[in-house]
Amino acid sequence: MSASRDSATLAAGNRRLAWQLAAGALLMAGFGYLLVPIYRVFCEYTGFNGTTARIDFGQAATHGVDRTRWVTVEFAANTSADLPWDFRPEVTSLRVHPGEMVVAQFEARNRGNREIVGQAVPSVTPGLAAAHFRKIECFCFSRQPLAPGQTLKLPVQFQVGSDLPPGIATLTLSYTFFELPGSRVTAAAGNQRKEPS
């Protein structure tokens, strides 16, 4: 009798442990799923990792322009190694007053033989300047499909905040273009066009 009671107690303990492990796995999966959006919001708020803020035109217009000061904004353009695009800024630098709204142009050209959908990821250095660099409109806000041989002008409207620390006189806005996963047509799919996921 005691052996069957021990067996029943052991089985109940195993079931409880299995439920606890399953609940722990679900919690970890949920945390992993939420980690990316939480990290993105944290980076945008703090400027951590060169992440810039996004504001609308109305918000940008409320910031005063500091005409007593100049800041040099340098532009850099990169592509991932497997992306057959030419990508460059039209000018490599601009001198701007903090608080002033400015438009800069980039250009992308698809050297490949198929349509490719790309996404630009921005970064600002030095890291302290990122929290004071505000994008109003940017090609990085959306996917950029390019047909074979197509060239596209890509504007970015931005503002360097008038609250930029006085010790920062130069900052660099850098973009790296990546091909979006799922935008490539596989050989098995033939000539069917596959939309990005």
C-alpha atoms as a PDB file:
ATOM      1  CA  MET A   1       0.000   0.000   0.000  1.00  0.00           C
ATOM      2  CA  SER A   2       2.812   2.322   0.888  1.00  0.00           C
ATOM      3  CA  ALA A   3       4.506   1.674  -2.470  1.00  0.00           C
ATOM      4  CA  SER A   4       1.382   2.694  -4.424  1.00  0.00           C
ATOM      5  CA  ARG A   5       1.031   5.836  -2.270  1.00  0.00           C
ATOM      6  CA  ASP A   6       4.685   6.708  -2.933  1.00  0.00           C
ATOM      7  CA  SER A   7       4.114   6.061  -6.636  1.00  0.00           C
ATOM      8  CA  ALA A   8       1.021   8.319  -6.663  1.00  0.00           C
ATOM      9  CA  THR A   9       2.898  11.052  -4.762  1.00  0.00           C
ATOM     10  CA  LEU A  10       5.804  10.779  -7.195  1.00  0.00           C
ATOM     11  CA  ALA A  11       3.446  10.968 -10.215  1.00  0.00           C
ATOM     12  CA  ALA A  12       1.683  14.037  -8.771  1.00  0.00           C
ATOM     13  CA  GLY A  13       5.044  15.691  -8.105  1.00  0.00           C
ATOM     14  CA  ASN A  14       6.176  14.946 -11.667  1.00  0.00           C
ATOM     15  CA  ARG A  15       2.957  16.433 -13.109  1.00  0.00           C
ATOM     16  CA  ARG A  16       3.403  19.561 -10.977  1.00  0.00           C
ATOM     17  CA  LEU A  17       7.030  19.860 -12.107  1.00  0.00           C
ATOM     18  CA  ALA A  18       6.007  19.409 -15.766  1.00  0.00           C
ATOM     19  CA  TRP A  19       3.421  22.219 -15.433  1.00  0.00           C
ATOM     20  CA  GLN A  20       5.965  24.481 -13.733  1.00  0.00           C
ATOM     21  CA  LEU A  21       8.525  23.832 -16.482  1.00  0.00           C
ATOM     22  CA  ALA A  22       5.913  24.477 -19.198  1.00  0.00           C
ATOM     23  CA  ALA A  23       4.848  27.732 -17.504  1.00  0.00           C
ATOM     24  CA  GLY A  24       8.502  28.774 -17.198  1.00  0.00           C
ATOM     25  CA  ALA A  25       9.084  28.057 -20.891  1.00  0.00           C
ATOM     26  CA  LEU A  26       6.011  30.126 -21.848  1.00  0.00           C
ATOM     27  CA  LEU A  27       7.181  33.021 -19.678  1.00  0.00           C
ATOM     28  CA  MET A  28      10.636  32.914 -21.264  1.00  0.00           C
ATOM     29  CA  ALA A  29       9.155  32.828 -24.784  1.00  0.00           C
ATOM     30  CA  GLY A  30       6.880  35.775 -23.951  1.00  0.00           C
ATOM     31  CA  PHE A  31       9.793  37.738 -22.524  1.00  0.00           C
ATOM     32  CA  GLY A  32      11.883  36.969 -25.614  1.00  0.00           C
ATOM     33  CA  TYR A  33       9.053  38.152 -27.873  1.00  0.00           C
ATOM     34  CA  LEU A  34       8.605  41.423 -25.952  1.00  0.00           C
ATOM     35  CA  LEU A  35      12.312  42.125 -25.523  1.00  0.00           C
ATOM     36  CA  VAL A  36      12.809  43.580 -29.030  1.00  0.00           C
ATOM     37  CA  PRO A  37      10.021  46.212 -28.858  1.00  0.00           C
ATOM     38  CA  ILE A  38      10.956  47.129 -25.283  1.00  0.00           C
ATOM     39  CA  TYR A  39      14.614  47.516 -26.283  1.00  0.00           C
ATOM     40  CA  ARG A  40      13.633  49.628 -29.317  1.00  0.00           C
ATOM     41  CA  VAL A  41      11.572  52.009 -27.148  1.00  0.00           C
ATOM     42  CA  PHE A  42      14.374  52.191 -24.575  1.00  0.00           C
ATOM     43  CA  CYS A  43      16.952  53.019 -27.265  1.00  0.00           C
ATOM     44  CA  GLU A  44      14.735  55.657 -28.896  1.00  0.00           C
ATOM     45  CA  TYR A  45      14.015  57.323 -25.555  1.00  0.00           C
ATOM     46  CA  THR A  46      17.617  57.340 -24.312  1.00  0.00           C
ATOM     47  CA  GLY A  47      19.517  57.538 -27.609  1.00  0.00           C
ATOM     48  CA  PHE A  48      21.316  54.353 -26.558  1.00  0.00           C
ATOM     49  CA  ASN A  49      23.111  52.518 -29.366  1.00  0.00           C
ATOM     50  CA  GLY A  50      22.849  55.536 -31.685  1.00  0.00           C
ATOM     51  CA  THR A  51      19.068  55.286 -31.978  1.00  0.00           C
ATOM     52  CA  THR A  52      17.404  58.555 -32.932  1.00  0.00           C
ATOM     53  CA  ALA A  53      14.036  60.005 -31.973  1.00  0.00           C
ATOM     54  CA  ARG A  54      11.135  60.389 -34.393  1.00  0.00           C
ATOM     55  CA  ILE A  55       8.990  63.522 -34.172  1.00  0.00           C
ATOM     56  CA  ASP A  56       6.331  65.075 -36.364  1.00  0.00           C
ATOM     57  CA  PHE A  57       6.560  68.396 -38.173  1.00  0.00           C
ATOM     58  CA  GLY A  58       4.457  70.195 -35.545  1.00  0.00           C
ATOM     59  CA  GLN A  59       6.739  69.097 -32.717  1.00  0.00           C
ATOM     60  CA  ALA A  60       9.834  70.099 -34.690  1.00  0.00           C
ATOM     61  CA  ALA A  61       8.429  73.568 -35.368  1.00  0.00           C
ATOM     62  CA  THR A  62       8.122  74.287 -31.638  1.00  0.00           C
ATOM     63  CA  HIS A  63      11.883  73.978 -31.061  1.00  0.00           C
ATOM     64  CA  GLY A  64      13.715  77.283 -31.349  1.00  0.00           C
ATOM     65  CA  VAL A  65      16.645  77.671 -33.731  1.00  0.00           C
ATOM     66  CA  ASP A  66      19.987  78.518 -32.110  1.00  0.00           C
ATOM     67  CA  ARG A  67      21.563  80.819 -34.724  1.00  0.00           C
ATOM     68  CA  THR A  68      24.626  81.445 -32.524  1.00  0.00           C
ATOM     69  CA  ARG A  69      25.917  77.935 -33.114  1.00  0.00           C
ATOM     70  CA  TRP A  70      26.867  75.637 -35.992  1.00  0.00           C
ATOM     71  CA  VAL A  71      26.895  71.843 -35.966  1.00  0.00           C
ATOM     72  CA  THR A  72      28.356  69.710 -38.756  1.00  0.00           C
ATOM     73  CA  VAL A  73      26.258  66.679 -39.683  1.00  0.00           C
ATOM     74  CA  GLU A  74      28.214  64.071 -41.639  1.00  0.00           C
ATOM     75  CA  PHE A  75      26.445  61.393 -43.676  1.00  0.00           C
ATOM     76  CA  ALA A  76      27.517  57.794 -44.217  1.00  0.00           C
ATOM     77  CA  ALA A  77      25.801  55.114 -46.292  1.00  0.00           C
ATOM     78  CA  ASN A  78      26.442  51.372 -46.167  1.00  0.00           C
ATOM     79  CA  THR A  79      24.824  48.183 -47.406  1.00  0.00           C
ATOM     80  CA  SER A  80      24.996  44.667 -46.073  1.00  0.00           C
ATOM     81  CA  ALA A  81      27.525  42.485 -47.895  1.00  0.00           C
ATOM     82  CA  ASP A  82      24.880  40.460 -49.757  1.00  0.00           C
ATOM     83  CA  LEU A  83      22.810  43.440 -50.968  1.00  0.00           C
ATOM     84  CA  PRO A  84      23.671  44.379 -54.591  1.00  0.00           C
ATOM     85  CA  TRP A  85      22.823  48.060 -54.182  1.00  0.00           C
ATOM     86  CA  ASP A  86      24.797  51.260 -54.594  1.00  0.00           C
ATOM     87  CA  PHE A  87      23.828  53.573 -51.757  1.00  0.00           C
ATOM     88  CA  ARG A  88      25.294  57.008 -51.086  1.00  0.00           C
ATOM     89  CA  PRO A  89      24.491  60.439 -49.668  1.00  0.00           C
ATOM     90  CA  GLU A  90      24.216  63.279 -52.210  1.00  0.00           C
ATOM     91  CA  VAL A  91      26.418  65.414 -49.936  1.00  0.00           C
ATOM     92  CA  THR A  92      28.818  64.054 -47.336  1.00  0.00           C
ATOM     93  CA  SER A  93      28.180  66.792 -44.755  1.00  0.00           C
ATOM     94  CA  LEU A  94      26.057  69.835 -43.945  1.00  0.00           C
ATOM     95  CA  ARG A  95      26.508  72.679 -41.474  1.00  0.00           C
ATOM     96  CA  VAL A  96      23.263  73.340 -39.607  1.00  0.00           C
ATOM     97  CA  HIS A  97      22.001  75.459 -36.746  1.00  0.00           C
ATOM     98  CA  PRO A  98      20.574  73.457 -33.826  1.00  0.00           C
ATOM     99  CA  GLY A  99      16.769  73.562 -33.962  1.00  0.00           C
ATOM    100  CA  GLU A 100      16.696  74.131 -37.741  1.00  0.00           C
ATOM    101  CA  MET A 101      14.748  71.678 -39.938  1.00  0.00           C
ATOM    102  CA  VAL A 102      16.968  70.309 -42.711  1.00  0.00           C
ATOM    103  CA  VAL A 103      16.495  67.925 -45.652  1.00  0.00           C
ATOM    104  CA  ALA A 104      19.293  65.685 -46.911  1.00  0.00           C
ATOM    105  CA  GLN A 105      19.100  63.345 -49.890  1.00  0.00           C
ATOM    106  CA  PHE A 106      20.461  59.846 -50.331  1.00  0.00           C
ATOM    107  CA  GLU A 107      20.395  57.759 -53.482  1.00  0.00           C
ATOM    108  CA  ALA A 108      20.018  53.998 -53.872  1.00  0.00           C
ATOM    109  CA  ARG A 109      20.420  51.939 -57.051  1.00  0.00           C
ATOM    110  CA  ASN A 110      19.697  48.245 -57.482  1.00  0.00           C
ATOM    111  CA  ARG A 111      22.561  46.598 -59.411  1.00  0.00           C
ATOM    112  CA  GLY A 112      20.882  43.197 -59.120  1.00  0.00           C
ATOM    113  CA  ASN A 113      18.760  41.336 -61.651  1.00  0.00           C
ATOM    114  CA  ARG A 114      15.634  41.062 -59.474  1.00  0.00           C
ATOM    115  CA  GLU A 115      13.452  43.300 -57.354  1.00  0.00           C
ATOM    116  CA  ILE A 116      14.799  43.633 -53.829  1.00  0.00           C
ATOM    117  CA  VAL A 117      13.045  45.106 -50.820  1.00  0.00           C
ATOM    118  CA  GLY A 118      15.443  46.852 -48.448  1.00  0.00           C
ATOM    119  CA  GLN A 119      15.166  48.448 -45.031  1.00  0.00           C
ATOM    120  CA  ALA A 120      17.554  51.138 -43.802  1.00  0.00           C
ATOM    121  CA  VAL A 121      18.719  51.103 -40.189  1.00  0.00           C
ATOM    122  CA  PRO A 122      19.932  54.494 -38.897  1.00  0.00           C
ATOM    123  CA  SER A 123      22.563  55.262 -36.301  1.00  0.00           C
ATOM    124  CA  VAL A 124      23.985  58.508 -34.922  1.00  0.00           C
ATOM    125  CA  THR A 125      27.412  58.974 -33.374  1.00  0.00           C
ATOM    126  CA  PRO A 126      28.603  60.093 -30.920  1.00  0.00           C
ATOM    127  CA  GLY A 127      26.070  58.261 -28.779  1.00  0.00           C
ATOM    128  CA  LEU A 128      25.345  61.358 -26.665  1.00  0.00           C
ATOM    129  CA  ALA A 129      24.159  63.193 -29.790  1.00  0.00           C
ATOM    130  CA  ALA A 130      21.654  60.489 -30.753  1.00  0.00           C
ATOM    131  CA  ALA A 131      19.107  61.630 -28.166  1.00  0.00           C
ATOM    132  CA  HIS A 132      19.232  65.139 -29.697  1.00  0.00           C
ATOM    133  CA  PHE A 133      18.932  64.056 -33.346  1.00  0.00           C
ATOM    134  CA  ARG A 134      15.300  63.998 -34.425  1.00  0.00           C
ATOM    135  CA  LYS A 135      13.997  62.562 -37.680  1.00  0.00           C
ATOM    136  CA  ILE A 136      10.802  64.160 -38.999  1.00  0.00           C
ATOM    137  CA  GLU A 137      10.517  62.208 -42.274  1.00  0.00           C
ATOM    138  CA  CYS A 138      12.846  59.405 -43.266  1.00  0.00           C
ATOM    139  CA  PHE A 139      13.111  56.667 -45.853  1.00  0.00           C
ATOM    140  CA  CYS A 140      14.112  54.433 -42.944  1.00  0.00           C
ATOM    141  CA  PHE A 141      10.517  54.539 -41.655  1.00  0.00           C
ATOM    142  CA  SER A 142       9.363  52.187 -44.431  1.00  0.00           C
ATOM    143  CA  ARG A 143      10.481  49.398 -46.744  1.00  0.00           C
ATOM    144  CA  GLN A 144      12.145  50.413 -49.999  1.00  0.00           C
ATOM    145  CA  PRO A 145      11.456  48.143 -52.992  1.00  0.00           C
ATOM    146  CA  LEU A 146      13.816  48.607 -55.941  1.00  0.00           C
ATOM    147  CA  ALA A 147      13.389  46.967 -59.341  1.00  0.00           C
ATOM    148  CA  PRO A 148      16.500  45.785 -61.224  1.00  0.00           C
ATOM    149  CA  GLY A 149      18.466  48.834 -62.394  1.00  0.00           C
ATOM    150  CA  GLN A 150      16.129  51.267 -60.617  1.00  0.00           C
ATOM    151  CA  THR A 151      17.555  54.360 -58.895  1.00  0.00           C
ATOM    152  CA  LEU A 152      15.631  56.031 -56.095  1.00  0.00           C
ATOM    153  CA  LYS A 153      16.105  59.381 -54.319  1.00  0.00           C
ATOM    154  CA  LEU A 154      15.683  58.950 -50.572  1.00  0.00           C
ATOM    155  CA  PRO A 155      15.091  62.110 -48.510  1.00  0.00           C
ATOM    156  CA  VAL A 156      15.476  62.474 -44.769  1.00  0.00           C
ATOM    157  CA  GLN A 157      14.142  65.533 -42.954  1.00  0.00           C
ATOM    158  CA  PHE A 158      15.747  66.030 -39.576  1.00  0.00           C
ATOM    159  CA  GLN A 159      16.521  68.439 -36.798  1.00  0.00           C
ATOM    160  CA  VAL A 160      19.479  68.591 -34.439  1.00  0.00           C
ATOM    161  CA  GLY A 161      17.943  69.637 -31.138  1.00  0.00           C
ATOM    162  CA  SER A 162      18.861  73.036 -29.763  1.00  0.00           C
ATOM    163  CA  ASP A 163      19.473  71.185 -26.486  1.00  0.00           C
ATOM    164  CA  LEU A 164      22.516  69.426 -28.019  1.00  0.00           C
ATOM    165  CA  PRO A 165      25.382  69.643 -25.492  1.00  0.00           C
ATOM    166  CA  PRO A 166      27.794  72.479 -26.408  1.00  0.00           C
ATOM    167  CA  GLY A 167      30.785  70.133 -26.541  1.00  0.00           C
ATOM    168  CA  ILE A 168      29.377  68.324 -29.592  1.00  0.00           C
ATOM    169  CA  ALA A 169      30.201  70.167 -32.819  1.00  0.00           C
ATOM    170  CA  THR A 170      30.100  67.227 -35.254  1.00  0.00           C
ATOM    171  CA  LEU A 171      27.846  64.213 -35.480  1.00  0.00           C
ATOM    172  CA  THR A 172      27.475  61.442 -38.032  1.00  0.00           C
ATOM    173  CA  LEU A 173      24.195  60.085 -39.371  1.00  0.00           C
ATOM    174  CA  SER A 174      24.830  56.642 -40.789  1.00  0.00           C
ATOM    175  CA  TYR A 175      22.447  54.296 -42.573  1.00  0.00           C
ATOM    176  CA  THR A 176      22.931  50.643 -43.382  1.00  0.00           C
ATOM    177  CA  PHE A 177      20.551  48.993 -45.852  1.00  0.00           C
ATOM    178  CA  PHE A 178      19.634  45.339 -45.375  1.00  0.00           C
ATOM    179  CA  GLU A 179      17.553  43.085 -47.572  1.00  0.00           C
ATOM    180  CA  LEU A 180      14.319  42.223 -45.810  1.00  0.00           C
ATOM    181  CA  PRO A 181      13.981  38.515 -45.062  1.00  0.00           C
ATOM    182  CA  GLY A 182      11.478  36.847 -47.351  1.00  0.00           C
ATOM    183  CA  SER A 183      11.856  39.361 -50.193  1.00  0.00           C
ATOM    184  CA  ARG A 184      14.029  37.011 -52.255  1.00  0.00           C
ATOM    185  CA  VAL A 185      12.361  34.772 -54.840  1.00  0.00           C
ATOM    186  CA  THR A 186      13.698  31.247 -54.441  1.00  0.00           C
ATOM    187  CA  ALA A 187      14.510  28.919 -57.327  1.00  0.00           C
ATOM    188  CA  ALA A 188      11.744  26.550 -56.170  1.00  0.00           C
ATOM    189  CA  ALA A 189       9.213  29.356 -56.450  1.00  0.00           C
ATOM    190  CA  GLY A 190      10.141  29.936 -60.096  1.00  0.00           C
ATOM    191  CA  ASN A 191       9.268  33.353 -61.432  1.00  0.00           C
ATOM    192  CA  GLN A 192       6.526  33.996 -58.903  1.00  0.00           C
ATOM    193  CA  ARG A 193       6.930  37.219 -57.003  1.00  0.00           C
ATOM    194  CA  LYS A 194       7.165  36.804 -53.250  1.00  0.00           C
ATOM    195  CA  GLU A 195       6.130  39.682 -51.024  1.00  0.00           C
ATOM    196  CA  PRO A 196       8.233  40.559 -47.972  1.00  0.00           C
ATOM    197  CA  SER A 197       7.009  39.059 -44.722  1.00  0.00           C
END
